[in-house]
Amino acid sequence: MGSLDPDTDFVKPGEQVIEQPTLSEEERKTFIDALLIGQMSKTVDVFGHQVLIKTLTVDLELQVAQILRPWENTVGFPKAYKTASVAASIYEIDGVPFYTPILPTDKTEIVANKFEKLKAYYPAFVDGVYLKLTEMEQSMIEVLEKLGKSSG
């Protein structure tokens, strides 16, 4: 038995051949992270500091929403949203864990405590991390869109 040619051996006469997308190595990693693991993480440079960030799960997004209640319908809401989102996404700065609970704590308190800690940072840093987080999320969306367009 000879080798199979996927372009001719599995296509019935009259069927259209759909080209498979070609992904770069970075796009392939993004795709695997997005679909198989469900999370992306990346160490990004923000003003000379190496910051490990991860995309947010639905649970973390809901915790961010809880944190935002005091700022609803205020001019501070956009800054509170950015700060809470960044707090939930940061895991390390320059190789040091951003937040480590002293005592065992409810996981829902961790994001609130990270938010309280991050409020002491300056807006330029928070905005810089937020920009990197949104860029990472956008790269995942672009890869998924590329795959969606090619799969019909």
C-alpha atoms as a PDB file:
ATOM      1  CA  MET A   1       0.000   0.000   0.000  1.00  0.00           C
ATOM      2  CA  GLY A   2       1.426   3.395  -0.987  1.00  0.00           C
ATOM      3  CA  SER A   3       1.354   6.652   0.952  1.00  0.00           C
ATOM      4  CA  LEU A   4      -1.856   8.627   1.110  1.00  0.00           C
ATOM      5  CA  ASP A   5      -2.263  12.056  -0.397  1.00  0.00           C
ATOM      6  CA  PRO A   6      -4.795  14.044   1.687  1.00  0.00           C
ATOM      7  CA  ASP A   7      -5.551  16.327  -1.255  1.00  0.00           C
ATOM      8  CA  THR A   8      -6.739  13.504  -3.496  1.00  0.00           C
ATOM      9  CA  ASP A   9      -7.360  10.376  -1.412  1.00  0.00           C
ATOM     10  CA  PHE A  10      -9.936  11.855   0.977  1.00  0.00           C
ATOM     11  CA  VAL A  11     -11.765  14.242  -1.341  1.00  0.00           C
ATOM     12  CA  LYS A  12     -14.795  12.977  -3.215  1.00  0.00           C
ATOM     13  CA  PRO A  13     -15.324  14.214  -6.752  1.00  0.00           C
ATOM     14  CA  GLY A  14     -17.140  17.552  -6.710  1.00  0.00           C
ATOM     15  CA  GLU A  15     -16.164  18.384  -3.106  1.00  0.00           C
ATOM     16  CA  GLN A  16     -14.336  21.586  -2.370  1.00  0.00           C
ATOM     17  CA  VAL A  17     -10.902  21.336  -0.732  1.00  0.00           C
ATOM     18  CA  ILE A  18     -10.613  23.670   2.259  1.00  0.00           C
ATOM     19  CA  GLU A  19      -7.117  24.964   2.897  1.00  0.00           C
ATOM     20  CA  GLN A  20      -5.895  24.574   6.457  1.00  0.00           C
ATOM     21  CA  PRO A  21      -4.595  27.706   8.145  1.00  0.00           C
ATOM     22  CA  THR A  22      -0.872  28.162   8.480  1.00  0.00           C
ATOM     23  CA  LEU A  23       0.115  29.366  11.938  1.00  0.00           C
ATOM     24  CA  SER A  24       3.446  30.756  13.034  1.00  0.00           C
ATOM     25  CA  GLU A  25       5.066  29.140  16.075  1.00  0.00           C
ATOM     26  CA  GLU A  26       3.845  32.015  18.282  1.00  0.00           C
ATOM     27  CA  GLU A  27       0.306  31.724  16.880  1.00  0.00           C
ATOM     28  CA  ARG A  28       0.414  27.952  17.443  1.00  0.00           C
ATOM     29  CA  LYS A  29       1.379  28.490  21.115  1.00  0.00           C
ATOM     30  CA  THR A  30      -1.384  31.084  21.489  1.00  0.00           C
ATOM     31  CA  PHE A  31      -3.895  28.673  19.969  1.00  0.00           C
ATOM     32  CA  ILE A  32      -2.864  25.815  22.243  1.00  0.00           C
ATOM     33  CA  ASP A  33      -2.958  28.082  25.290  1.00  0.00           C
ATOM     34  CA  ALA A  34      -6.372  29.423  24.335  1.00  0.00           C
ATOM     35  CA  LEU A  35      -8.077  26.153  23.541  1.00  0.00           C
ATOM     36  CA  LEU A  36      -6.322  23.372  25.379  1.00  0.00           C
ATOM     37  CA  ILE A  37      -5.197  25.093  28.532  1.00  0.00           C
ATOM     38  CA  GLY A  38      -7.733  27.914  28.561  1.00  0.00           C
ATOM     39  CA  GLN A  39      -5.220  30.460  29.766  1.00  0.00           C
ATOM     40  CA  MET A  40      -2.439  32.550  28.354  1.00  0.00           C
ATOM     41  CA  SER A  41       0.477  33.786  30.376  1.00  0.00           C
ATOM     42  CA  LYS A  42       3.344  35.995  29.379  1.00  0.00           C
ATOM     43  CA  THR A  43       6.196  37.870  30.996  1.00  0.00           C
ATOM     44  CA  VAL A  44       6.048  41.426  29.693  1.00  0.00           C
ATOM     45  CA  ASP A  45       8.361  44.377  30.105  1.00  0.00           C
ATOM     46  CA  VAL A  46       6.742  47.398  31.758  1.00  0.00           C
ATOM     47  CA  PHE A  47       9.122  50.295  32.304  1.00  0.00           C
ATOM     48  CA  GLY A  48      12.076  47.928  32.745  1.00  0.00           C
ATOM     49  CA  HIS A  49      10.249  45.548  35.089  1.00  0.00           C
ATOM     50  CA  GLN A  50       9.448  41.960  34.105  1.00  0.00           C
ATOM     51  CA  VAL A  51       5.789  41.339  34.927  1.00  0.00           C
ATOM     52  CA  LEU A  52       4.177  37.902  34.686  1.00  0.00           C
ATOM     53  CA  ILE A  53       0.542  38.303  33.691  1.00  0.00           C
ATOM     54  CA  LYS A  54      -2.172  35.777  32.903  1.00  0.00           C
ATOM     55  CA  THR A  55      -5.496  36.154  31.149  1.00  0.00           C
ATOM     56  CA  LEU A  56      -8.495  36.190  33.447  1.00  0.00           C
ATOM     57  CA  THR A  57     -10.883  33.308  33.973  1.00  0.00           C
ATOM     58  CA  VAL A  58     -14.608  33.973  34.239  1.00  0.00           C
ATOM     59  CA  ASP A  59     -14.279  33.536  37.999  1.00  0.00           C
ATOM     60  CA  LEU A  60     -11.613  36.248  38.169  1.00  0.00           C
ATOM     61  CA  GLU A  61     -13.689  38.565  35.960  1.00  0.00           C
ATOM     62  CA  LEU A  62     -16.631  38.119  38.349  1.00  0.00           C
ATOM     63  CA  GLN A  63     -14.386  38.888  41.316  1.00  0.00           C
ATOM     64  CA  VAL A  64     -13.270  42.057  39.530  1.00  0.00           C
ATOM     65  CA  ALA A  65     -16.950  42.979  39.085  1.00  0.00           C
ATOM     66  CA  GLN A  66     -17.523  42.585  42.843  1.00  0.00           C
ATOM     67  CA  ILE A  67     -14.573  44.851  43.609  1.00  0.00           C
ATOM     68  CA  LEU A  68     -15.989  47.555  41.321  1.00  0.00           C
ATOM     69  CA  ARG A  69     -19.291  48.033  43.145  1.00  0.00           C
ATOM     70  CA  PRO A  70     -18.184  51.105  45.160  1.00  0.00           C
ATOM     71  CA  TRP A  71     -17.111  52.831  41.916  1.00  0.00           C
ATOM     72  CA  GLU A  72     -20.244  52.162  39.869  1.00  0.00           C
ATOM     73  CA  ASN A  73     -21.600  55.373  38.312  1.00  0.00           C
ATOM     74  CA  THR A  74     -18.574  57.418  39.369  1.00  0.00           C
ATOM     75  CA  VAL A  75     -15.806  59.113  37.409  1.00  0.00           C
ATOM     76  CA  GLY A  76     -13.356  56.716  39.082  1.00  0.00           C
ATOM     77  CA  PHE A  77     -14.941  53.617  37.539  1.00  0.00           C
ATOM     78  CA  PRO A  78     -12.603  53.330  34.503  1.00  0.00           C
ATOM     79  CA  LYS A  79      -9.492  53.573  36.703  1.00  0.00           C
ATOM     80  CA  ALA A  80     -10.960  51.097  39.218  1.00  0.00           C
ATOM     81  CA  TYR A  81     -11.737  48.677  36.366  1.00  0.00           C
ATOM     82  CA  LYS A  82      -8.200  48.876  34.970  1.00  0.00           C
ATOM     83  CA  THR A  83      -6.649  48.518  38.414  1.00  0.00           C
ATOM     84  CA  ALA A  84      -8.822  45.554  39.411  1.00  0.00           C
ATOM     85  CA  SER A  85      -8.237  43.797  36.072  1.00  0.00           C
ATOM     86  CA  VAL A  86      -4.482  44.294  36.341  1.00  0.00           C
ATOM     87  CA  ALA A  87      -4.485  43.167  39.981  1.00  0.00           C
ATOM     88  CA  ALA A  88      -6.255  39.943  39.002  1.00  0.00           C
ATOM     89  CA  SER A  89      -3.825  39.322  36.123  1.00  0.00           C
ATOM     90  CA  ILE A  90      -0.460  39.995  37.838  1.00  0.00           C
ATOM     91  CA  TYR A  91       1.359  37.023  39.336  1.00  0.00           C
ATOM     92  CA  GLU A  92       4.974  38.230  39.582  1.00  0.00           C
ATOM     93  CA  ILE A  93       7.013  41.393  39.251  1.00  0.00           C
ATOM     94  CA  ASP A  94      10.734  40.880  38.585  1.00  0.00           C
ATOM     95  CA  GLY A  95      10.414  37.223  39.585  1.00  0.00           C
ATOM     96  CA  VAL A  96       8.845  37.985  42.970  1.00  0.00           C
ATOM     97  CA  PRO A  97       5.246  36.874  43.603  1.00  0.00           C
ATOM     98  CA  PHE A  98       2.989  39.936  43.546  1.00  0.00           C
ATOM     99  CA  TYR A  99       0.839  38.708  46.413  1.00  0.00           C
ATOM    100  CA  THR A 100       1.248  35.795  48.791  1.00  0.00           C
ATOM    101  CA  PRO A 101      -1.341  35.346  51.526  1.00  0.00           C
ATOM    102  CA  ILE A 102       0.149  35.074  55.021  1.00  0.00           C
ATOM    103  CA  LEU A 103      -2.674  32.828  56.204  1.00  0.00           C
ATOM    104  CA  PRO A 104      -4.851  30.424  54.259  1.00  0.00           C
ATOM    105  CA  THR A 105      -7.558  32.607  52.792  1.00  0.00           C
ATOM    106  CA  ASP A 106     -10.645  32.289  50.656  1.00  0.00           C
ATOM    107  CA  LYS A 107      -9.579  32.537  47.002  1.00  0.00           C
ATOM    108  CA  THR A 108     -12.119  35.316  46.451  1.00  0.00           C
ATOM    109  CA  GLU A 109     -10.201  37.491  48.910  1.00  0.00           C
ATOM    110  CA  ILE A 110      -6.953  37.168  46.975  1.00  0.00           C
ATOM    111  CA  VAL A 111      -8.068  39.410  44.093  1.00  0.00           C
ATOM    112  CA  ALA A 112      -9.457  41.992  46.534  1.00  0.00           C
ATOM    113  CA  ASN A 113      -6.172  41.974  48.461  1.00  0.00           C
ATOM    114  CA  LYS A 114      -4.145  42.265  45.248  1.00  0.00           C
ATOM    115  CA  PHE A 115      -6.371  45.194  44.253  1.00  0.00           C
ATOM    116  CA  GLU A 116      -5.713  46.929  47.586  1.00  0.00           C
ATOM    117  CA  LYS A 117      -1.963  46.422  47.123  1.00  0.00           C
ATOM    118  CA  LEU A 118      -1.983  47.670  43.527  1.00  0.00           C
ATOM    119  CA  LYS A 119      -3.816  50.876  44.487  1.00  0.00           C
ATOM    120  CA  ALA A 120      -0.536  52.054  46.053  1.00  0.00           C
ATOM    121  CA  TYR A 121       1.199  51.869  42.644  1.00  0.00           C
ATOM    122  CA  TYR A 122       1.268  54.750  40.195  1.00  0.00           C
ATOM    123  CA  PRO A 123      -1.172  55.031  37.275  1.00  0.00           C
ATOM    124  CA  ALA A 124       1.574  54.806  34.632  1.00  0.00           C
ATOM    125  CA  PHE A 125       2.533  51.309  35.805  1.00  0.00           C
ATOM    126  CA  VAL A 126      -1.084  50.108  36.026  1.00  0.00           C
ATOM    127  CA  ASP A 127      -1.838  51.538  32.564  1.00  0.00           C
ATOM    128  CA  GLY A 128       1.329  49.916  31.143  1.00  0.00           C
ATOM    129  CA  VAL A 129       0.396  46.466  32.465  1.00  0.00           C
ATOM    130  CA  TYR A 130      -3.214  46.915  31.303  1.00  0.00           C
ATOM    131  CA  LEU A 131      -1.979  47.713  27.786  1.00  0.00           C
ATOM    132  CA  LYS A 132       0.129  44.530  27.732  1.00  0.00           C
ATOM    133  CA  LEU A 133      -2.812  42.490  29.046  1.00  0.00           C
ATOM    134  CA  THR A 134      -5.144  43.794  26.337  1.00  0.00           C
ATOM    135  CA  GLU A 135      -2.463  43.157  23.671  1.00  0.00           C
ATOM    136  CA  MET A 136      -2.140  39.551  24.868  1.00  0.00           C
ATOM    137  CA  GLU A 137      -5.917  39.062  24.789  1.00  0.00           C
ATOM    138  CA  GLN A 138      -6.067  40.632  21.305  1.00  0.00           C
ATOM    139  CA  SER A 139      -3.400  38.241  19.994  1.00  0.00           C
ATOM    140  CA  MET A 140      -5.559  35.320  21.147  1.00  0.00           C
ATOM    141  CA  ILE A 141      -8.616  36.783  19.401  1.00  0.00           C
ATOM    142  CA  GLU A 142      -6.648  37.303  16.159  1.00  0.00           C
ATOM    143  CA  VAL A 143      -5.458  33.687  16.117  1.00  0.00           C
ATOM    144  CA  LEU A 144      -8.969  32.393  16.776  1.00  0.00           C
ATOM    145  CA  GLU A 145     -10.364  34.645  14.035  1.00  0.00           C
ATOM    146  CA  LYS A 146      -7.702  33.413  11.626  1.00  0.00           C
ATOM    147  CA  LEU A 147      -8.692  29.847  12.382  1.00  0.00           C
ATOM    148  CA  GLY A 148     -12.398  30.669  12.098  1.00  0.00           C
ATOM    149  CA  LYS A 149     -12.045  32.269   8.682  1.00  0.00           C
ATOM    150  CA  SER A 150     -10.137  29.328   7.290  1.00  0.00           C
ATOM    151  CA  SER A 151     -12.478  26.673   8.702  1.00  0.00           C
ATOM    152  CA  GLY A 152     -15.516  28.034   6.867  1.00  0.00           C
END
